[in-house]
């Protein structure tokens, strides 16, 4: 299998095969054990590299010092031959870690969005019947429930991309919303390059800042020239997220933001959102993302809607339920 869900891999896999720089390396154990072993291997390889470099420097210094002396000719030749035969230890590959820091978002009012007596259904199937729900400034709501419970519908109602059948959805004062949904990736112009796509969104921004933004989201110098139509799902998700976060909103509405992201990009996003001072409402099945970022949980169940203070970890401790979509 391939997977970007560390919790899933920690429970299921007994071996990890890493592909890096055209080489395959296998590790016994789950993902957490792989991370520990990889870190240990890197540390050992770095120590070997440094020892060899010190030895080589010493030998080269001797050769340079005595190469012009006939009395040391044999010793110099012997050491030159020795150096030629030594198999060089390579330094460990450093994984490029990307970081993204939010510009300060403008402050919103205390009530960010309020849903009052909202009814919503599709055909004869009701999704919400009299929903009351309020998001306040700096709250980070994780919306949970099985598939079909109405998670994406709630986010669409909040974002204004769908209207309630009855009731009211009111967005508060000074709220600047950023909405990430899967369909946003389909709206990219396929003929634009990554860089052109960013330029069209931010015509006033300098080339340097846009290239730095692209780099933060995993697009190197060459990759910014790729056309959007050839981007993978993960690359499209990164580009859409880069556009959303460059000029930061103070209210992020995120529908499965990590679906197409690899573990390194997910980690960068979690680190960036941990420092984010705005408000969040999000749907995710990634337990690591849920645990790191939520401070409230809204659970949608057939029996009703439940609100929990505290984040995902506290929710699991109180209810014994985990994110739907993965069972131990």
C-alpha atoms as a PDB file:
ATOM      1  CA  UNK A   1       0.000   0.000   0.000  1.00  0.00           C
ATOM      2  CA  UNK A   2       0.879   3.666  -0.227  1.00  0.00           C
ATOM      3  CA  UNK A   3      -0.464   5.926   2.507  1.00  0.00           C
ATOM      4  CA  UNK A   4       0.078   9.401   3.927  1.00  0.00           C
ATOM      5  CA  UNK A   5      -1.813   8.609   7.147  1.00  0.00           C
ATOM      6  CA  UNK A   6       0.724   8.033   9.903  1.00  0.00           C
ATOM      7  CA  UNK A   7      -1.858   6.761  12.418  1.00  0.00           C
ATOM      8  CA  UNK A   8      -3.105   4.187   9.912  1.00  0.00           C
ATOM      9  CA  UNK A   9       0.448   3.028   9.174  1.00  0.00           C
ATOM     10  CA  UNK A  10       1.318   2.834  12.870  1.00  0.00           C
ATOM     11  CA  UNK A  11      -1.562   0.394  13.380  1.00  0.00           C
ATOM     12  CA  UNK A  12      -1.341  -1.665  10.207  1.00  0.00           C
ATOM     13  CA  UNK A  13       2.092  -1.907   8.606  1.00  0.00           C
ATOM     14  CA  UNK A  14       4.988  -4.085   9.726  1.00  0.00           C
ATOM     15  CA  UNK A  15       7.485  -2.908   7.126  1.00  0.00           C
ATOM     16  CA  UNK A  16       8.180   0.411   5.399  1.00  0.00           C
ATOM     17  CA  UNK A  17       9.942   0.754   2.046  1.00  0.00           C
ATOM     18  CA  UNK A  18      11.269   4.253   1.480  1.00  0.00           C
ATOM     19  CA  UNK A  19      11.921   5.589  -2.030  1.00  0.00           C
ATOM     20  CA  UNK A  20      14.419   8.433  -1.899  1.00  0.00           C
ATOM     21  CA  UNK A  21      16.665   9.694  -4.671  1.00  0.00           C
ATOM     22  CA  UNK A  22      16.105   6.599  -6.802  1.00  0.00           C
ATOM     23  CA  UNK A  23      17.102   4.215  -4.001  1.00  0.00           C
ATOM     24  CA  UNK A  24      14.897   1.791  -2.053  1.00  0.00           C
ATOM     25  CA  UNK A  25      15.528   1.264   1.659  1.00  0.00           C
ATOM     26  CA  UNK A  26      13.396  -1.067   3.761  1.00  0.00           C
ATOM     27  CA  UNK A  27      12.765  -0.781   7.492  1.00  0.00           C
ATOM     28  CA  UNK A  28      11.016  -3.322   9.700  1.00  0.00           C
ATOM     29  CA  UNK A  29       8.289  -1.978  11.954  1.00  0.00           C
ATOM     30  CA  UNK A  30       5.570   0.658  11.675  1.00  0.00           C
ATOM     31  CA  UNK A  31       5.863   4.305  10.600  1.00  0.00           C
ATOM     32  CA  UNK A  32       6.940   5.598  14.010  1.00  0.00           C
ATOM     33  CA  UNK A  33       9.698   2.959  14.188  1.00  0.00           C
ATOM     34  CA  UNK A  34      10.755   3.872  10.623  1.00  0.00           C
ATOM     35  CA  UNK A  35      11.094   7.539  11.645  1.00  0.00           C
ATOM     36  CA  UNK A  36      13.256   6.577  14.638  1.00  0.00           C
ATOM     37  CA  UNK A  37      15.442   4.213  12.588  1.00  0.00           C
ATOM     38  CA  UNK A  38      15.860   6.722   9.784  1.00  0.00           C
ATOM     39  CA  UNK A  39      16.923   9.427  12.255  1.00  0.00           C
ATOM     40  CA  UNK A  40      19.378   7.011  13.894  1.00  0.00           C
ATOM     41  CA  UNK A  41      20.821   5.975  10.510  1.00  0.00           C
ATOM     42  CA  UNK A  42      21.257   9.617   9.511  1.00  0.00           C
ATOM     43  CA  UNK A  43      23.050  10.349  12.782  1.00  0.00           C
ATOM     44  CA  UNK A  44      25.394   7.368  12.341  1.00  0.00           C
ATOM     45  CA  UNK A  45      26.091   8.259   8.707  1.00  0.00           C
ATOM     46  CA  UNK A  46      26.834  11.864   9.663  1.00  0.00           C
ATOM     47  CA  UNK A  47      29.277  10.690  12.351  1.00  0.00           C
ATOM     48  CA  UNK A  48      31.011   8.334   9.856  1.00  0.00           C
ATOM     49  CA  UNK A  49      31.205  11.127   7.290  1.00  0.00           C
ATOM     50  CA  UNK A  50      32.748  13.537   9.801  1.00  0.00           C
ATOM     51  CA  UNK A  51      35.308  10.941  10.987  1.00  0.00           C
ATOM     52  CA  UNK A  52      36.326  10.182   7.414  1.00  0.00           C
ATOM     53  CA  UNK A  53      36.567  13.857   6.515  1.00  0.00           C
ATOM     54  CA  UNK A  54      38.854  14.450   9.506  1.00  0.00           C
ATOM     55  CA  UNK A  55      41.049  11.488   8.475  1.00  0.00           C
ATOM     56  CA  UNK A  56      41.194  12.649   4.842  1.00  0.00           C
ATOM     57  CA  UNK A  57      42.114  16.184   5.893  1.00  0.00           C
ATOM     58  CA  UNK A  58      44.957  14.802   8.011  1.00  0.00           C
ATOM     59  CA  UNK A  59      46.284  12.617   5.164  1.00  0.00           C
ATOM     60  CA  UNK A  60      46.019  15.417   2.593  1.00  0.00           C
ATOM     61  CA  UNK A  61      47.843  17.779   4.947  1.00  0.00           C
ATOM     62  CA  UNK A  62      50.716  15.253   5.255  1.00  0.00           C
ATOM     63  CA  UNK A  63      50.879  14.794   1.457  1.00  0.00           C
ATOM     64  CA  UNK A  64      50.895  18.545   0.807  1.00  0.00           C
ATOM     65  CA  UNK A  65      53.549  19.100   3.439  1.00  0.00           C
ATOM     66  CA  UNK A  66      56.007  16.413   2.321  1.00  0.00           C
ATOM     67  CA  UNK A  67      55.336  15.910  -1.409  1.00  0.00           C
ATOM     68  CA  UNK A  68      58.362  18.007  -2.400  1.00  0.00           C
ATOM     69  CA  UNK A  69      60.802  16.120  -0.118  1.00  0.00           C
ATOM     70  CA  UNK A  70      62.652  13.173  -1.655  1.00  0.00           C
ATOM     71  CA  UNK A  71      63.160  11.638   1.801  1.00  0.00           C
ATOM     72  CA  UNK A  72      59.365  11.225   2.190  1.00  0.00           C
ATOM     73  CA  UNK A  73      58.577  10.211  -1.395  1.00  0.00           C
ATOM     74  CA  UNK A  74      57.701   6.598  -0.523  1.00  0.00           C
ATOM     75  CA  UNK A  75      55.432   7.621   2.356  1.00  0.00           C
ATOM     76  CA  UNK A  76      53.697  10.254   0.221  1.00  0.00           C
ATOM     77  CA  UNK A  77      53.086   7.763  -2.615  1.00  0.00           C
ATOM     78  CA  UNK A  78      51.771   5.180  -0.156  1.00  0.00           C
ATOM     79  CA  UNK A  79      49.271   7.667   1.266  1.00  0.00           C
ATOM     80  CA  UNK A  80      48.160   8.863  -2.172  1.00  0.00           C
ATOM     81  CA  UNK A  81      47.411   5.233  -3.162  1.00  0.00           C
ATOM     82  CA  UNK A  82      45.610   4.697   0.136  1.00  0.00           C
ATOM     83  CA  UNK A  83      43.378   7.727  -0.486  1.00  0.00           C
ATOM     84  CA  UNK A  84      42.581   6.546  -4.013  1.00  0.00           C
ATOM     85  CA  UNK A  85      41.312   3.224  -2.675  1.00  0.00           C
ATOM     86  CA  UNK A  86      39.153   4.602   0.128  1.00  0.00           C
ATOM     87  CA  UNK A  87      35.423   4.353  -0.502  1.00  0.00           C
ATOM     88  CA  UNK A  88      34.023   7.750   0.273  1.00  0.00           C
ATOM     89  CA  UNK A  89      31.251   8.053   2.849  1.00  0.00           C
ATOM     90  CA  UNK A  90      28.491  10.350   1.623  1.00  0.00           C
ATOM     91  CA  UNK A  91      26.822  12.757   4.053  1.00  0.00           C
ATOM     92  CA  UNK A  92      23.198  11.845   4.810  1.00  0.00           C
ATOM     93  CA  UNK A  93      20.642  13.346   2.462  1.00  0.00           C
ATOM     94  CA  UNK A  94      18.950  16.287   4.088  1.00  0.00           C
ATOM     95  CA  UNK A  95      15.256  16.322   3.439  1.00  0.00           C
ATOM     96  CA  UNK A  96      14.153  19.744   2.403  1.00  0.00           C
ATOM     97  CA  UNK A  97      11.802  21.040   5.046  1.00  0.00           C
ATOM     98  CA  UNK A  98       9.464  23.811   4.019  1.00  0.00           C
ATOM     99  CA  UNK A  99       8.082  26.355   6.420  1.00  0.00           C
ATOM    100  CA  UNK A 100       5.312  28.844   5.907  1.00  0.00           C
ATOM    101  CA  UNK A 101       4.589  31.770   8.194  1.00  0.00           C
ATOM    102  CA  UNK A 102       1.297  33.591   8.059  1.00  0.00           C
ATOM    103  CA  UNK A 103       1.186  37.317   7.660  1.00  0.00           C
ATOM    104  CA  UNK A 104      -1.025  38.698  10.430  1.00  0.00           C
ATOM    105  CA  UNK A 105      -4.696  38.381   9.440  1.00  0.00           C
ATOM    106  CA  UNK A 106      -7.041  41.284  10.176  1.00  0.00           C
ATOM    107  CA  UNK A 107      -9.008  40.784  13.367  1.00  0.00           C
ATOM    108  CA  UNK A 108     -12.628  39.710  13.017  1.00  0.00           C
ATOM    109  CA  UNK A 109     -15.520  40.391  15.348  1.00  0.00           C
ATOM    110  CA  UNK A 110     -16.214  37.983  18.207  1.00  0.00           C
ATOM    111  CA  UNK A 111     -19.086  36.180  16.417  1.00  0.00           C
ATOM    112  CA  UNK A 112     -17.556  34.807  13.213  1.00  0.00           C
ATOM    113  CA  UNK A 113     -20.555  32.923  11.802  1.00  0.00           C
ATOM    114  CA  UNK A 114     -23.966  32.064  13.206  1.00  0.00           C
ATOM    115  CA  UNK A 115     -26.506  29.500  11.936  1.00  0.00           C
ATOM    116  CA  UNK A 116     -30.027  29.882  13.324  1.00  0.00           C
ATOM    117  CA  UNK A 117     -32.799  27.298  12.827  1.00  0.00           C
ATOM    118  CA  UNK A 118     -31.186  26.108   9.585  1.00  0.00           C
ATOM    119  CA  UNK A 119     -33.001  23.489   7.517  1.00  0.00           C
ATOM    120  CA  UNK A 120     -31.272  21.828   4.577  1.00  0.00           C
ATOM    121  CA  UNK A 121     -32.030  18.742   2.554  1.00  0.00           C
ATOM    122  CA  UNK A 122     -31.496  17.174  -0.845  1.00  0.00           C
ATOM    123  CA  UNK A 123     -34.677  15.891  -2.489  1.00  0.00           C
ATOM    124  CA  UNK A 124     -36.650  13.989   0.138  1.00  0.00           C
ATOM    125  CA  UNK A 125     -33.600  13.509   2.354  1.00  0.00           C
ATOM    126  CA  UNK A 126     -33.257  16.031   5.201  1.00  0.00           C
ATOM    127  CA  UNK A 127     -29.703  16.815   6.337  1.00  0.00           C
ATOM    128  CA  UNK A 128     -30.371  19.531   8.919  1.00  0.00           C
ATOM    129  CA  UNK A 129     -33.621  20.294  10.676  1.00  0.00           C
ATOM    130  CA  UNK A 130     -33.391  23.366  12.903  1.00  0.00           C
ATOM    131  CA  UNK A 131     -29.589  23.573  13.268  1.00  0.00           C
ATOM    132  CA  UNK A 132     -28.294  26.246  15.675  1.00  0.00           C
ATOM    133  CA  UNK A 133     -24.529  26.687  15.664  1.00  0.00           C
ATOM    134  CA  UNK A 134     -22.164  29.600  16.329  1.00  0.00           C
ATOM    135  CA  UNK A 135     -18.434  29.901  15.679  1.00  0.00           C
ATOM    136  CA  UNK A 136     -16.598  32.517  17.738  1.00  0.00           C
ATOM    137  CA  UNK A 137     -13.249  34.170  17.176  1.00  0.00           C
ATOM    138  CA  UNK A 138     -10.165  31.921  17.564  1.00  0.00           C
ATOM    139  CA  UNK A 139     -12.252  28.755  17.939  1.00  0.00           C
ATOM    140  CA  UNK A 140     -11.047  25.798  15.874  1.00  0.00           C
ATOM    141  CA  UNK A 141     -13.955  23.483  15.185  1.00  0.00           C
ATOM    142  CA  UNK A 142     -13.382  19.980  13.862  1.00  0.00           C
ATOM    143  CA  UNK A 143     -16.579  18.701  12.234  1.00  0.00           C
ATOM    144  CA  UNK A 144     -16.946  14.940  12.569  1.00  0.00           C
ATOM    145  CA  UNK A 145     -19.390  12.329  11.389  1.00  0.00           C
ATOM    146  CA  UNK A 146     -19.698   9.358   9.048  1.00  0.00           C
ATOM    147  CA  UNK A 147     -19.868   9.882   5.291  1.00  0.00           C
ATOM    148  CA  UNK A 148     -23.217  11.390   4.359  1.00  0.00           C
ATOM    149  CA  UNK A 149     -23.745  12.975   7.787  1.00  0.00           C
ATOM    150  CA  UNK A 150     -23.627  16.485   6.303  1.00  0.00           C
ATOM    151  CA  UNK A 151     -20.078  17.656   7.067  1.00  0.00           C
ATOM    152  CA  UNK A 152     -19.359  19.176   3.648  1.00  0.00           C
ATOM    153  CA  UNK A 153     -22.897  20.570   3.489  1.00  0.00           C
ATOM    154  CA  UNK A 154     -22.297  22.472   6.733  1.00  0.00           C
ATOM    155  CA  UNK A 155     -19.099  23.983   5.335  1.00  0.00           C
ATOM    156  CA  UNK A 156     -20.885  24.939   2.090  1.00  0.00           C
ATOM    157  CA  UNK A 157     -23.645  26.648   4.097  1.00  0.00           C
ATOM    158  CA  UNK A 158     -21.055  28.590   6.098  1.00  0.00           C
ATOM    159  CA  UNK A 159     -19.059  29.507   2.962  1.00  0.00           C
ATOM    160  CA  UNK A 160     -22.228  30.587   1.132  1.00  0.00           C
ATOM    161  CA  UNK A 161     -21.766  28.147  -1.754  1.00  0.00           C
ATOM    162  CA  UNK A 162     -25.136  26.588  -0.919  1.00  0.00           C
ATOM    163  CA  UNK A 163     -28.197  28.207   0.640  1.00  0.00           C
ATOM    164  CA  UNK A 164     -30.354  26.877   3.482  1.00  0.00           C
ATOM    165  CA  UNK A 165     -33.899  25.772   2.657  1.00  0.00           C
ATOM    166  CA  UNK A 166     -34.995  27.702   5.737  1.00  0.00           C
ATOM    167  CA  UNK A 167     -33.319  29.603   8.567  1.00  0.00           C
ATOM    168  CA  UNK A 168     -30.408  32.035   8.435  1.00  0.00           C
ATOM    169  CA  UNK A 169     -26.617  31.910   8.086  1.00  0.00           C
ATOM    170  CA  UNK A 170     -24.979  35.180   9.189  1.00  0.00           C
ATOM    171  CA  UNK A 171     -21.274  35.914   8.772  1.00  0.00           C
ATOM    172  CA  UNK A 172     -19.958  38.343  11.389  1.00  0.00           C
ATOM    173  CA  UNK A 173     -18.375  41.736  10.998  1.00  0.00           C
ATOM    174  CA  UNK A 174     -14.860  42.086   9.515  1.00  0.00           C
ATOM    175  CA  UNK A 175     -14.753  38.364   8.657  1.00  0.00           C
ATOM    176  CA  UNK A 176     -12.490  37.532   5.720  1.00  0.00           C
ATOM    177  CA  UNK A 177     -13.121  33.912   4.778  1.00  0.00           C
ATOM    178  CA  UNK A 178     -10.868  31.426   3.009  1.00  0.00           C
ATOM    179  CA  UNK A 179     -12.674  28.315   1.787  1.00  0.00           C
ATOM    180  CA  UNK A 180     -10.793  25.207   0.677  1.00  0.00           C
ATOM    181  CA  UNK A 181     -12.896  22.557  -1.048  1.00  0.00           C
ATOM    182  CA  UNK A 182     -12.004  19.694  -3.367  1.00  0.00           C
ATOM    183  CA  UNK A 183     -13.752  21.378  -6.331  1.00  0.00           C
ATOM    184  CA  UNK A 184     -11.386  24.381  -5.988  1.00  0.00           C
ATOM    185  CA  UNK A 185      -8.673  22.253  -7.595  1.00  0.00           C
ATOM    186  CA  UNK A 186     -10.835  21.813 -10.698  1.00  0.00           C
ATOM    187  CA  UNK A 187     -11.055  25.590 -11.128  1.00  0.00           C
ATOM    188  CA  UNK A 188      -7.330  26.037 -11.858  1.00  0.00           C
ATOM    189  CA  UNK A 189      -6.608  27.096 -15.453  1.00  0.00           C
ATOM    190  CA  UNK A 190      -4.861  24.081 -16.961  1.00  0.00           C
ATOM    191  CA  UNK A 191      -2.802  26.192 -19.377  1.00  0.00           C
ATOM    192  CA  UNK A 192      -1.328  28.402 -16.651  1.00  0.00           C
ATOM    193  CA  UNK A 193       1.986  27.457 -15.123  1.00  0.00           C
ATOM    194  CA  UNK A 194       2.167  27.314 -11.322  1.00  0.00           C
ATOM    195  CA  UNK A 195       3.908  30.699 -11.278  1.00  0.00           C
ATOM    196  CA  UNK A 196       1.422  32.284 -13.715  1.00  0.00           C
ATOM    197  CA  UNK A 197      -1.448  31.007 -11.574  1.00  0.00           C
ATOM    198  CA  UNK A 198       0.048  32.732  -8.526  1.00  0.00           C
ATOM    199  CA  UNK A 199       0.757  35.906 -10.556  1.00  0.00           C
ATOM    200  CA  UNK A 200      -2.841  36.092 -11.767  1.00  0.00           C
ATOM    201  CA  UNK A 201      -4.084  35.816  -8.170  1.00  0.00           C
ATOM    202  CA  UNK A 202      -1.607  38.376  -6.799  1.00  0.00           C
ATOM    203  CA  UNK A 203      -0.654  40.822  -9.584  1.00  0.00           C
ATOM    204  CA  UNK A 204       0.760  43.329  -7.087  1.00  0.00           C
ATOM    205  CA  UNK A 205       3.151  40.863  -5.461  1.00  0.00           C
ATOM    206  CA  UNK A 206       6.828  40.786  -6.409  1.00  0.00           C
ATOM    207  CA  UNK A 207       8.368  37.828  -8.213  1.00  0.00           C
ATOM    208  CA  UNK A 208      10.630  37.085  -5.263  1.00  0.00           C
ATOM    209  CA  UNK A 209       7.789  36.782  -2.758  1.00  0.00           C
ATOM    210  CA  UNK A 210       5.750  34.592  -5.134  1.00  0.00           C
ATOM    211  CA  UNK A 211       8.721  32.278  -5.744  1.00  0.00           C
ATOM    212  CA  UNK A 212       9.261  32.068  -1.977  1.00  0.00           C
ATOM    213  CA  UNK A 213       5.568  31.224  -1.544  1.00  0.00           C
ATOM    214  CA  UNK A 214       5.803  28.510  -4.229  1.00  0.00           C
ATOM    215  CA  UNK A 215       8.911  27.109  -2.528  1.00  0.00           C
ATOM    216  CA  UNK A 216       7.130  26.926   0.835  1.00  0.00           C
ATOM    217  CA  UNK A 217       4.473  24.755  -0.765  1.00  0.00           C
ATOM    218  CA  UNK A 218       6.957  22.409  -2.413  1.00  0.00           C
ATOM    219  CA  UNK A 219       7.380  23.970  -5.872  1.00  0.00           C
ATOM    220  CA  UNK A 220      11.088  24.342  -6.632  1.00  0.00           C
ATOM    221  CA  UNK A 221      12.569  26.639  -9.295  1.00  0.00           C
ATOM    222  CA  UNK A 222      11.820  24.220 -12.144  1.00  0.00           C
ATOM    223  CA  UNK A 223       8.441  23.076 -10.844  1.00  0.00           C
ATOM    224  CA  UNK A 224       6.925  26.578 -10.939  1.00  0.00           C
ATOM    225  CA  UNK A 225       7.019  26.252 -14.752  1.00  0.00           C
ATOM    226  CA  UNK A 226       4.793  23.128 -14.749  1.00  0.00           C
ATOM    227  CA  UNK A 227       1.370  23.652 -16.294  1.00  0.00           C
ATOM    228  CA  UNK A 228      -1.584  23.146 -13.963  1.00  0.00           C
ATOM    229  CA  UNK A 229      -3.078  20.457 -16.220  1.00  0.00           C
ATOM    230  CA  UNK A 230      -0.149  18.105 -15.496  1.00  0.00           C
ATOM    231  CA  UNK A 231      -0.146  18.621 -11.729  1.00  0.00           C
ATOM    232  CA  UNK A 232      -0.981  15.703  -9.451  1.00  0.00           C
ATOM    233  CA  UNK A 233      -3.836  15.952  -6.959  1.00  0.00           C
ATOM    234  CA  UNK A 234      -1.384  16.797  -4.187  1.00  0.00           C
ATOM    235  CA  UNK A 235       0.322  19.503  -6.257  1.00  0.00           C
ATOM    236  CA  UNK A 236      -3.037  21.079  -7.122  1.00  0.00           C
ATOM    237  CA  UNK A 237      -4.040  21.043  -3.451  1.00  0.00           C
ATOM    238  CA  UNK A 238      -0.743  22.722  -2.502  1.00  0.00           C
ATOM    239  CA  UNK A 239      -1.212  25.419  -5.153  1.00  0.00           C
ATOM    240  CA  UNK A 240      -4.800  26.164  -4.093  1.00  0.00           C
ATOM    241  CA  UNK A 241      -3.695  26.327  -0.454  1.00  0.00           C
ATOM    242  CA  UNK A 242      -0.780  28.630  -1.304  1.00  0.00           C
ATOM    243  CA  UNK A 243      -3.216  31.016  -2.983  1.00  0.00           C
ATOM    244  CA  UNK A 244      -5.574  30.919  -0.034  1.00  0.00           C
ATOM    245  CA  UNK A 245      -2.942  31.518   2.629  1.00  0.00           C
ATOM    246  CA  UNK A 246      -0.710  34.133   0.943  1.00  0.00           C
ATOM    247  CA  UNK A 247      -3.086  36.972   1.808  1.00  0.00           C
ATOM    248  CA  UNK A 248      -4.441  35.320   4.928  1.00  0.00           C
ATOM    249  CA  UNK A 249      -8.123  35.257   5.804  1.00  0.00           C
ATOM    250  CA  UNK A 250      -9.121  35.451   9.464  1.00  0.00           C
ATOM    251  CA  UNK A 251     -11.579  32.558   9.065  1.00  0.00           C
ATOM    252  CA  UNK A 252     -10.475  29.324   7.398  1.00  0.00           C
ATOM    253  CA  UNK A 253     -13.122  26.847   6.231  1.00  0.00           C
ATOM    254  CA  UNK A 254     -11.301  23.671   5.166  1.00  0.00           C
ATOM    255  CA  UNK A 255     -12.916  20.571   3.671  1.00  0.00           C
ATOM    256  CA  UNK A 256     -10.446  17.667   3.822  1.00  0.00           C
ATOM    257  CA  UNK A 257      -7.384  19.886   3.279  1.00  0.00           C
ATOM    258  CA  UNK A 258      -4.868  17.045   3.715  1.00  0.00           C
ATOM    259  CA  UNK A 259      -6.488  14.483   1.380  1.00  0.00           C
ATOM    260  CA  UNK A 260      -3.813  14.757  -1.319  1.00  0.00           C
ATOM    261  CA  UNK A 261      -0.879  15.945   0.783  1.00  0.00           C
ATOM    262  CA  UNK A 262       2.226  13.920   1.605  1.00  0.00           C
ATOM    263  CA  UNK A 263       3.381  13.664   5.210  1.00  0.00           C
ATOM    264  CA  UNK A 264       6.043  16.399   4.929  1.00  0.00           C
ATOM    265  CA  UNK A 265       3.572  18.924   3.448  1.00  0.00           C
ATOM    266  CA  UNK A 266       0.961  17.969   6.048  1.00  0.00           C
ATOM    267  CA  UNK A 267       3.498  18.612   8.774  1.00  0.00           C
ATOM    268  CA  UNK A 268       4.340  22.019   7.273  1.00  0.00           C
ATOM    269  CA  UNK A 269       0.633  22.888   7.136  1.00  0.00           C
ATOM    270  CA  UNK A 270       0.067  21.782  10.743  1.00  0.00           C
ATOM    271  CA  UNK A 271       3.056  23.852  11.891  1.00  0.00           C
ATOM    272  CA  UNK A 272       1.785  26.910  10.002  1.00  0.00           C
ATOM    273  CA  UNK A 273      -1.804  26.528  11.246  1.00  0.00           C
ATOM    274  CA  UNK A 274      -0.625  25.992  14.833  1.00  0.00           C
ATOM    275  CA  UNK A 275       0.647  29.596  14.789  1.00  0.00           C
ATOM    276  CA  UNK A 276      -2.397  30.915  12.932  1.00  0.00           C
ATOM    277  CA  UNK A 277      -4.336  33.393  15.065  1.00  0.00           C
ATOM    278  CA  UNK A 278      -7.611  33.284  13.142  1.00  0.00           C
ATOM    279  CA  UNK A 279     -10.658  31.030  13.411  1.00  0.00           C
ATOM    280  CA  UNK A 280     -11.061  27.590  11.831  1.00  0.00           C
ATOM    281  CA  UNK A 281     -13.901  25.272  10.845  1.00  0.00           C
ATOM    282  CA  UNK A 282     -12.673  22.094   9.202  1.00  0.00           C
ATOM    283  CA  UNK A 283     -13.434  18.539   8.168  1.00  0.00           C
ATOM    284  CA  UNK A 284     -10.638  15.974   8.244  1.00  0.00           C
ATOM    285  CA  UNK A 285     -10.178  12.231   8.750  1.00  0.00           C
ATOM    286  CA  UNK A 286      -6.484  12.679   9.535  1.00  0.00           C
ATOM    287  CA  UNK A 287      -6.130  12.047  13.252  1.00  0.00           C
ATOM    288  CA  UNK A 288      -2.768  13.784  13.492  1.00  0.00           C
ATOM    289  CA  UNK A 289      -4.255  16.932  11.897  1.00  0.00           C
ATOM    290  CA  UNK A 290      -7.359  16.732  14.118  1.00  0.00           C
ATOM    291  CA  UNK A 291      -5.379  16.303  17.335  1.00  0.00           C
ATOM    292  CA  UNK A 292      -2.888  19.066  16.521  1.00  0.00           C
ATOM    293  CA  UNK A 293      -5.326  21.802  15.514  1.00  0.00           C
ATOM    294  CA  UNK A 294      -8.824  21.445  16.991  1.00  0.00           C
ATOM    295  CA  UNK A 295     -10.040  23.030  20.218  1.00  0.00           C
ATOM    296  CA  UNK A 296     -13.743  22.241  19.658  1.00  0.00           C
ATOM    297  CA  UNK A 297     -15.566  19.262  18.119  1.00  0.00           C
ATOM    298  CA  UNK A 298     -18.951  19.276  16.382  1.00  0.00           C
ATOM    299  CA  UNK A 299     -20.176  15.698  15.965  1.00  0.00           C
ATOM    300  CA  UNK A 300     -22.959  14.913  13.498  1.00  0.00           C
ATOM    301  CA  UNK A 301     -24.761  11.668  14.345  1.00  0.00           C
ATOM    302  CA  UNK A 302     -28.099  10.069  13.328  1.00  0.00           C
ATOM    303  CA  UNK A 303     -29.277  10.712  16.898  1.00  0.00           C
ATOM    304  CA  UNK A 304     -28.464  14.424  16.765  1.00  0.00           C
ATOM    305  CA  UNK A 305     -25.709  17.033  16.804  1.00  0.00           C
ATOM    306  CA  UNK A 306     -23.307  17.213  19.737  1.00  0.00           C
ATOM    307  CA  UNK A 307     -20.824  19.948  20.626  1.00  0.00           C
ATOM    308  CA  UNK A 308     -17.708  19.312  22.705  1.00  0.00           C
ATOM    309  CA  UNK A 309     -15.373  21.819  24.329  1.00  0.00           C
ATOM    310  CA  UNK A 310     -11.745  20.757  24.017  1.00  0.00           C
ATOM    311  CA  UNK A 311     -10.112  19.309  20.922  1.00  0.00           C
ATOM    312  CA  UNK A 312     -10.075  15.938  19.222  1.00  0.00           C
ATOM    313  CA  UNK A 313      -7.877  14.236  21.838  1.00  0.00           C
ATOM    314  CA  UNK A 314     -10.229  15.232  24.659  1.00  0.00           C
ATOM    315  CA  UNK A 315     -13.212  14.176  22.537  1.00  0.00           C
ATOM    316  CA  UNK A 316     -11.747  10.658  22.091  1.00  0.00           C
ATOM    317  CA  UNK A 317     -11.022  10.422  25.835  1.00  0.00           C
ATOM    318  CA  UNK A 318     -14.587  11.463  26.719  1.00  0.00           C
ATOM    319  CA  UNK A 319     -16.518   9.469  24.131  1.00  0.00           C
ATOM    320  CA  UNK A 320     -14.229   6.572  23.177  1.00  0.00           C
ATOM    321  CA  UNK A 321     -14.986   7.397  19.511  1.00  0.00           C
ATOM    322  CA  UNK A 322     -12.287   8.053  16.946  1.00  0.00           C
ATOM    323  CA  UNK A 323     -12.433   9.757  13.563  1.00  0.00           C
ATOM    324  CA  UNK A 324     -14.818   7.827  11.302  1.00  0.00           C
ATOM    325  CA  UNK A 325     -13.206   6.133   8.343  1.00  0.00           C
ATOM    326  CA  UNK A 326     -10.580   4.226  10.301  1.00  0.00           C
ATOM    327  CA  UNK A 327     -11.168   1.528  12.901  1.00  0.00           C
ATOM    328  CA  UNK A 328      -8.598  -0.337  14.951  1.00  0.00           C
END
